């Protein structure tokens, strides 16, 4: 059992201040981990695909261990307070959507996740695990770029910043 009070204080320190968005992410992460019967992710065991880029993301990062750098925090920006969690070990998943009820951030801290979020099935498949790509120097600017983001243009390997898209058609 986690000490939510201590974890909450650490989460505020990580984020920098106490706000409603942080509270939402904090509670979403705890609730998802309970539903999926999983602990904080050390690698990519737990994946979150967030549908917004609000303060809630810091709560999810700190509590669930889902980070962009590890490849287990992804974004599907839809402007919704919705969070899709996957347990890679079991294949179980849950989508949590913030309920439209007015409540204070302080009240949310004392509420159960089921009072704050609706649970629904996820509408899309879990993406593959993060890959490691080879990197090459862009033949125009010289900056090292992962091969996945390189394009061939006039016989040269170029990064997306140097690539000139063919946009003759409106």
C-alpha atoms as a PDB file:
ATOM      1  CA  UNK A   1       0.000   0.000   0.000  1.00  0.00           C
ATOM      2  CA  UNK A   2       1.387   3.396  -0.946  1.00  0.00           C
ATOM      3  CA  UNK A   3       1.506   6.357   1.407  1.00  0.00           C
ATOM      4  CA  UNK A   4      -0.643   8.785  -0.618  1.00  0.00           C
ATOM      5  CA  UNK A   5       0.078  11.765   1.634  1.00  0.00           C
ATOM      6  CA  UNK A   6       3.863  11.438   1.249  1.00  0.00           C
ATOM      7  CA  UNK A   7       3.526  10.667  -2.467  1.00  0.00           C
ATOM      8  CA  UNK A   8       1.293  13.735  -2.936  1.00  0.00           C
ATOM      9  CA  UNK A   9       3.827  16.016  -1.211  1.00  0.00           C
ATOM     10  CA  UNK A  10       6.615  14.629  -3.418  1.00  0.00           C
ATOM     11  CA  UNK A  11       4.409  15.081  -6.482  1.00  0.00           C
ATOM     12  CA  UNK A  12       3.847  18.764  -5.624  1.00  0.00           C
ATOM     13  CA  UNK A  13       7.621  19.220  -5.223  1.00  0.00           C
ATOM     14  CA  UNK A  14       8.156  17.601  -8.630  1.00  0.00           C
ATOM     15  CA  UNK A  15       5.532  19.781 -10.349  1.00  0.00           C
ATOM     16  CA  UNK A  16       6.271  22.991  -8.465  1.00  0.00           C
ATOM     17  CA  UNK A  17       2.833  23.874  -7.082  1.00  0.00           C
ATOM     18  CA  UNK A  18      -0.519  22.472  -5.958  1.00  0.00           C
ATOM     19  CA  UNK A  19      -3.144  22.746  -8.691  1.00  0.00           C
ATOM     20  CA  UNK A  20      -6.264  21.005  -9.949  1.00  0.00           C
ATOM     21  CA  UNK A  21      -4.526  19.544 -12.987  1.00  0.00           C
ATOM     22  CA  UNK A  22      -1.816  17.928 -10.895  1.00  0.00           C
ATOM     23  CA  UNK A  23      -4.508  16.478  -8.621  1.00  0.00           C
ATOM     24  CA  UNK A  24      -6.294  14.942 -11.616  1.00  0.00           C
ATOM     25  CA  UNK A  25      -3.134  13.243 -12.893  1.00  0.00           C
ATOM     26  CA  UNK A  26      -2.160  12.084  -9.409  1.00  0.00           C
ATOM     27  CA  UNK A  27      -5.559  10.474  -8.815  1.00  0.00           C
ATOM     28  CA  UNK A  28      -5.748   9.037 -12.366  1.00  0.00           C
ATOM     29  CA  UNK A  29      -2.379   7.307 -11.951  1.00  0.00           C
ATOM     30  CA  UNK A  30      -3.273   5.827  -8.568  1.00  0.00           C
ATOM     31  CA  UNK A  31      -6.682   4.651  -9.787  1.00  0.00           C
ATOM     32  CA  UNK A  32      -5.290   3.123 -12.995  1.00  0.00           C
ATOM     33  CA  UNK A  33      -2.560   1.302 -11.082  1.00  0.00           C
ATOM     34  CA  UNK A  34      -5.216  -0.131  -8.728  1.00  0.00           C
ATOM     35  CA  UNK A  35      -7.452  -1.230 -11.614  1.00  0.00           C
ATOM     36  CA  UNK A  36      -4.577  -2.791 -13.565  1.00  0.00           C
ATOM     37  CA  UNK A  37      -2.962  -4.280 -10.456  1.00  0.00           C
ATOM     38  CA  UNK A  38       0.456  -2.874 -11.290  1.00  0.00           C
ATOM     39  CA  UNK A  39       3.126  -0.891  -9.471  1.00  0.00           C
ATOM     40  CA  UNK A  40       5.053   2.171 -10.610  1.00  0.00           C
ATOM     41  CA  UNK A  41       6.675   1.433 -13.956  1.00  0.00           C
ATOM     42  CA  UNK A  42      10.412   0.853 -13.902  1.00  0.00           C
ATOM     43  CA  UNK A  43      10.595   0.346 -17.669  1.00  0.00           C
ATOM     44  CA  UNK A  44       7.599   0.078 -20.013  1.00  0.00           C
ATOM     45  CA  UNK A  45       5.377  -2.282 -18.009  1.00  0.00           C
ATOM     46  CA  UNK A  46       2.777   0.448 -17.554  1.00  0.00           C
ATOM     47  CA  UNK A  47       1.975   2.731 -20.482  1.00  0.00           C
ATOM     48  CA  UNK A  48      -0.129   5.893 -20.467  1.00  0.00           C
ATOM     49  CA  UNK A  49      -1.480   7.542 -23.569  1.00  0.00           C
ATOM     50  CA  UNK A  50      -2.760  10.946 -22.499  1.00  0.00           C
ATOM     51  CA  UNK A  51      -5.303  12.877 -24.522  1.00  0.00           C
ATOM     52  CA  UNK A  52      -4.073  16.281 -23.256  1.00  0.00           C
ATOM     53  CA  UNK A  53      -0.839  17.963 -22.248  1.00  0.00           C
ATOM     54  CA  UNK A  54      -2.005  19.651 -19.037  1.00  0.00           C
ATOM     55  CA  UNK A  55      -0.507  19.756 -15.542  1.00  0.00           C
ATOM     56  CA  UNK A  56      -2.058  16.327 -14.984  1.00  0.00           C
ATOM     57  CA  UNK A  57       0.792  14.786 -16.956  1.00  0.00           C
ATOM     58  CA  UNK A  58       3.284  15.617 -14.198  1.00  0.00           C
ATOM     59  CA  UNK A  59       1.120  13.702 -11.710  1.00  0.00           C
ATOM     60  CA  UNK A  60       1.062  10.691 -14.012  1.00  0.00           C
ATOM     61  CA  UNK A  61       4.802  10.861 -14.597  1.00  0.00           C
ATOM     62  CA  UNK A  62       5.648  11.062 -10.922  1.00  0.00           C
ATOM     63  CA  UNK A  63       3.181   8.496  -9.594  1.00  0.00           C
ATOM     64  CA  UNK A  64       3.037   5.933 -12.407  1.00  0.00           C
ATOM     65  CA  UNK A  65       6.595   6.232 -13.717  1.00  0.00           C
ATOM     66  CA  UNK A  66       5.356   6.863 -17.249  1.00  0.00           C
ATOM     67  CA  UNK A  67       7.745   9.208 -19.045  1.00  0.00           C
ATOM     68  CA  UNK A  68       8.349  10.359 -22.587  1.00  0.00           C
ATOM     69  CA  UNK A  69      12.021   9.379 -22.355  1.00  0.00           C
ATOM     70  CA  UNK A  70      11.236   5.759 -21.449  1.00  0.00           C
ATOM     71  CA  UNK A  71       8.650   5.608 -24.199  1.00  0.00           C
ATOM     72  CA  UNK A  72       5.748   4.732 -21.929  1.00  0.00           C
ATOM     73  CA  UNK A  73       4.106   8.163 -21.904  1.00  0.00           C
ATOM     74  CA  UNK A  74       2.584   8.973 -25.260  1.00  0.00           C
ATOM     75  CA  UNK A  75       0.202  11.666 -26.422  1.00  0.00           C
ATOM     76  CA  UNK A  76      -2.922  11.426 -28.541  1.00  0.00           C
ATOM     77  CA  UNK A  77      -3.936  15.052 -28.200  1.00  0.00           C
ATOM     78  CA  UNK A  78      -7.700  15.441 -28.277  1.00  0.00           C
ATOM     79  CA  UNK A  79      -8.151  18.159 -25.640  1.00  0.00           C
ATOM     80  CA  UNK A  80      -9.897  15.703 -23.314  1.00  0.00           C
ATOM     81  CA  UNK A  81      -9.177  14.951 -19.666  1.00  0.00           C
ATOM     82  CA  UNK A  82      -8.819  11.300 -20.674  1.00  0.00           C
ATOM     83  CA  UNK A  83      -5.997   8.886 -19.881  1.00  0.00           C
ATOM     84  CA  UNK A  84      -5.484   5.459 -21.426  1.00  0.00           C
ATOM     85  CA  UNK A  85      -3.442   3.034 -19.328  1.00  0.00           C
ATOM     86  CA  UNK A  86      -2.079  -0.340 -20.423  1.00  0.00           C
ATOM     87  CA  UNK A  87      -0.438  -3.121 -18.414  1.00  0.00           C
ATOM     88  CA  UNK A  88       1.980  -4.665 -20.932  1.00  0.00           C
ATOM     89  CA  UNK A  89       2.489  -7.739 -18.715  1.00  0.00           C
ATOM     90  CA  UNK A  90      -1.180  -8.763 -18.662  1.00  0.00           C
ATOM     91  CA  UNK A  91      -2.627  -6.973 -21.686  1.00  0.00           C
ATOM     92  CA  UNK A  92      -5.244  -5.298 -19.469  1.00  0.00           C
ATOM     93  CA  UNK A  93      -6.156  -1.682 -20.128  1.00  0.00           C
ATOM     94  CA  UNK A  94      -8.465   1.077 -18.949  1.00  0.00           C
ATOM     95  CA  UNK A  95      -9.473   4.521 -20.172  1.00  0.00           C
ATOM     96  CA  UNK A  96     -10.214   7.060 -17.456  1.00  0.00           C
ATOM     97  CA  UNK A  97     -12.244  10.158 -18.297  1.00  0.00           C
ATOM     98  CA  UNK A  98     -12.739  12.987 -15.811  1.00  0.00           C
ATOM     99  CA  UNK A  99     -16.367  13.227 -14.687  1.00  0.00           C
ATOM    100  CA  UNK A 100     -18.035  16.590 -15.227  1.00  0.00           C
ATOM    101  CA  UNK A 101     -18.681  17.433 -11.591  1.00  0.00           C
ATOM    102  CA  UNK A 102     -17.625  20.635  -9.885  1.00  0.00           C
ATOM    103  CA  UNK A 103     -15.331  19.914  -6.955  1.00  0.00           C
ATOM    104  CA  UNK A 104     -12.267  21.461  -5.419  1.00  0.00           C
ATOM    105  CA  UNK A 105      -8.770  20.121  -5.837  1.00  0.00           C
ATOM    106  CA  UNK A 106      -8.730  19.539  -2.072  1.00  0.00           C
ATOM    107  CA  UNK A 107     -11.943  17.492  -2.248  1.00  0.00           C
ATOM    108  CA  UNK A 108     -10.531  15.358  -5.072  1.00  0.00           C
ATOM    109  CA  UNK A 109      -7.587  14.330  -2.916  1.00  0.00           C
ATOM    110  CA  UNK A 110      -9.982  12.653  -0.479  1.00  0.00           C
ATOM    111  CA  UNK A 111     -12.110  10.980  -3.128  1.00  0.00           C
ATOM    112  CA  UNK A 112     -11.851   7.512  -4.592  1.00  0.00           C
ATOM    113  CA  UNK A 113     -10.873   7.311  -8.254  1.00  0.00           C
ATOM    114  CA  UNK A 114     -14.311   5.939  -9.162  1.00  0.00           C
ATOM    115  CA  UNK A 115     -15.874   9.187  -7.901  1.00  0.00           C
ATOM    116  CA  UNK A 116     -13.600  11.285 -10.122  1.00  0.00           C
ATOM    117  CA  UNK A 117     -13.341   9.235 -13.322  1.00  0.00           C
ATOM    118  CA  UNK A 118     -15.559   7.202 -15.617  1.00  0.00           C
ATOM    119  CA  UNK A 119     -13.984   3.961 -16.822  1.00  0.00           C
ATOM    120  CA  UNK A 120     -14.461   3.065 -20.483  1.00  0.00           C
ATOM    121  CA  UNK A 121     -12.821   0.658 -22.912  1.00  0.00           C
ATOM    122  CA  UNK A 122      -9.892   2.025 -24.885  1.00  0.00           C
ATOM    123  CA  UNK A 123     -10.707   2.890 -28.503  1.00  0.00           C
ATOM    124  CA  UNK A 124      -7.306   2.059 -30.051  1.00  0.00           C
ATOM    125  CA  UNK A 125      -4.517  -0.509 -29.782  1.00  0.00           C
ATOM    126  CA  UNK A 126      -1.408  -0.133 -27.675  1.00  0.00           C
ATOM    127  CA  UNK A 127       1.533   0.967 -29.802  1.00  0.00           C
ATOM    128  CA  UNK A 128       4.648  -1.176 -29.940  1.00  0.00           C
ATOM    129  CA  UNK A 129       7.411  -0.717 -27.375  1.00  0.00           C
ATOM    130  CA  UNK A 130       9.916   2.073 -27.941  1.00  0.00           C
ATOM    131  CA  UNK A 131      12.607   1.362 -30.521  1.00  0.00           C
ATOM    132  CA  UNK A 132      16.182   2.550 -30.681  1.00  0.00           C
ATOM    133  CA  UNK A 133      17.111   4.015 -34.061  1.00  0.00           C
ATOM    134  CA  UNK A 134      20.464   4.595 -35.704  1.00  0.00           C
ATOM    135  CA  UNK A 135      21.331   8.243 -36.166  1.00  0.00           C
ATOM    136  CA  UNK A 136      22.933   9.985 -39.115  1.00  0.00           C
ATOM    137  CA  UNK A 137      24.226  13.462 -39.833  1.00  0.00           C
ATOM    138  CA  UNK A 138      21.863  15.548 -41.949  1.00  0.00           C
ATOM    139  CA  UNK A 139      23.679  16.275 -45.188  1.00  0.00           C
ATOM    140  CA  UNK A 140      22.457  19.883 -45.131  1.00  0.00           C
ATOM    141  CA  UNK A 141      22.694  21.171 -41.531  1.00  0.00           C
ATOM    142  CA  UNK A 142      24.982  18.459 -40.141  1.00  0.00           C
ATOM    143  CA  UNK A 143      22.830  17.782 -37.066  1.00  0.00           C
ATOM    144  CA  UNK A 144      22.599  14.162 -35.883  1.00  0.00           C
ATOM    145  CA  UNK A 145      19.088  12.771 -36.454  1.00  0.00           C
ATOM    146  CA  UNK A 146      17.412   9.404 -35.851  1.00  0.00           C
ATOM    147  CA  UNK A 147      16.988   7.573 -39.167  1.00  0.00           C
ATOM    148  CA  UNK A 148      13.216   7.338 -38.635  1.00  0.00           C
ATOM    149  CA  UNK A 149      13.059  11.110 -38.996  1.00  0.00           C
ATOM    150  CA  UNK A 150      15.347  11.376 -42.017  1.00  0.00           C
ATOM    151  CA  UNK A 151      14.101  11.854 -45.568  1.00  0.00           C
ATOM    152  CA  UNK A 152      15.829  11.462 -48.887  1.00  0.00           C
ATOM    153  CA  UNK A 153      15.861  14.578 -50.996  1.00  0.00           C
ATOM    154  CA  UNK A 154      17.840  15.047 -54.191  1.00  0.00           C
ATOM    155  CA  UNK A 155      20.029  12.076 -53.266  1.00  0.00           C
ATOM    156  CA  UNK A 156      20.846  13.376 -49.780  1.00  0.00           C
ATOM    157  CA  UNK A 157      19.750  12.173 -46.338  1.00  0.00           C
ATOM    158  CA  UNK A 158      18.187  15.207 -44.664  1.00  0.00           C
ATOM    159  CA  UNK A 159      16.421  15.928 -41.359  1.00  0.00           C
ATOM    160  CA  UNK A 160      12.804  17.090 -41.240  1.00  0.00           C
ATOM    161  CA  UNK A 161      13.865  20.690 -40.616  1.00  0.00           C
ATOM    162  CA  UNK A 162      15.883  20.753 -43.842  1.00  0.00           C
ATOM    163  CA  UNK A 163      13.456  18.667 -45.901  1.00  0.00           C
ATOM    164  CA  UNK A 164      11.464  20.735 -48.378  1.00  0.00           C
ATOM    165  CA  UNK A 165       8.019  19.208 -48.745  1.00  0.00           C
ATOM    166  CA  UNK A 166       6.454  19.142 -52.175  1.00  0.00           C
ATOM    167  CA  UNK A 167       3.485  21.468 -51.672  1.00  0.00           C
ATOM    168  CA  UNK A 168       2.603  22.633 -55.161  1.00  0.00           C
ATOM    169  CA  UNK A 169      -0.979  21.447 -54.746  1.00  0.00           C
ATOM    170  CA  UNK A 170      -3.420  23.420 -52.624  1.00  0.00           C
END
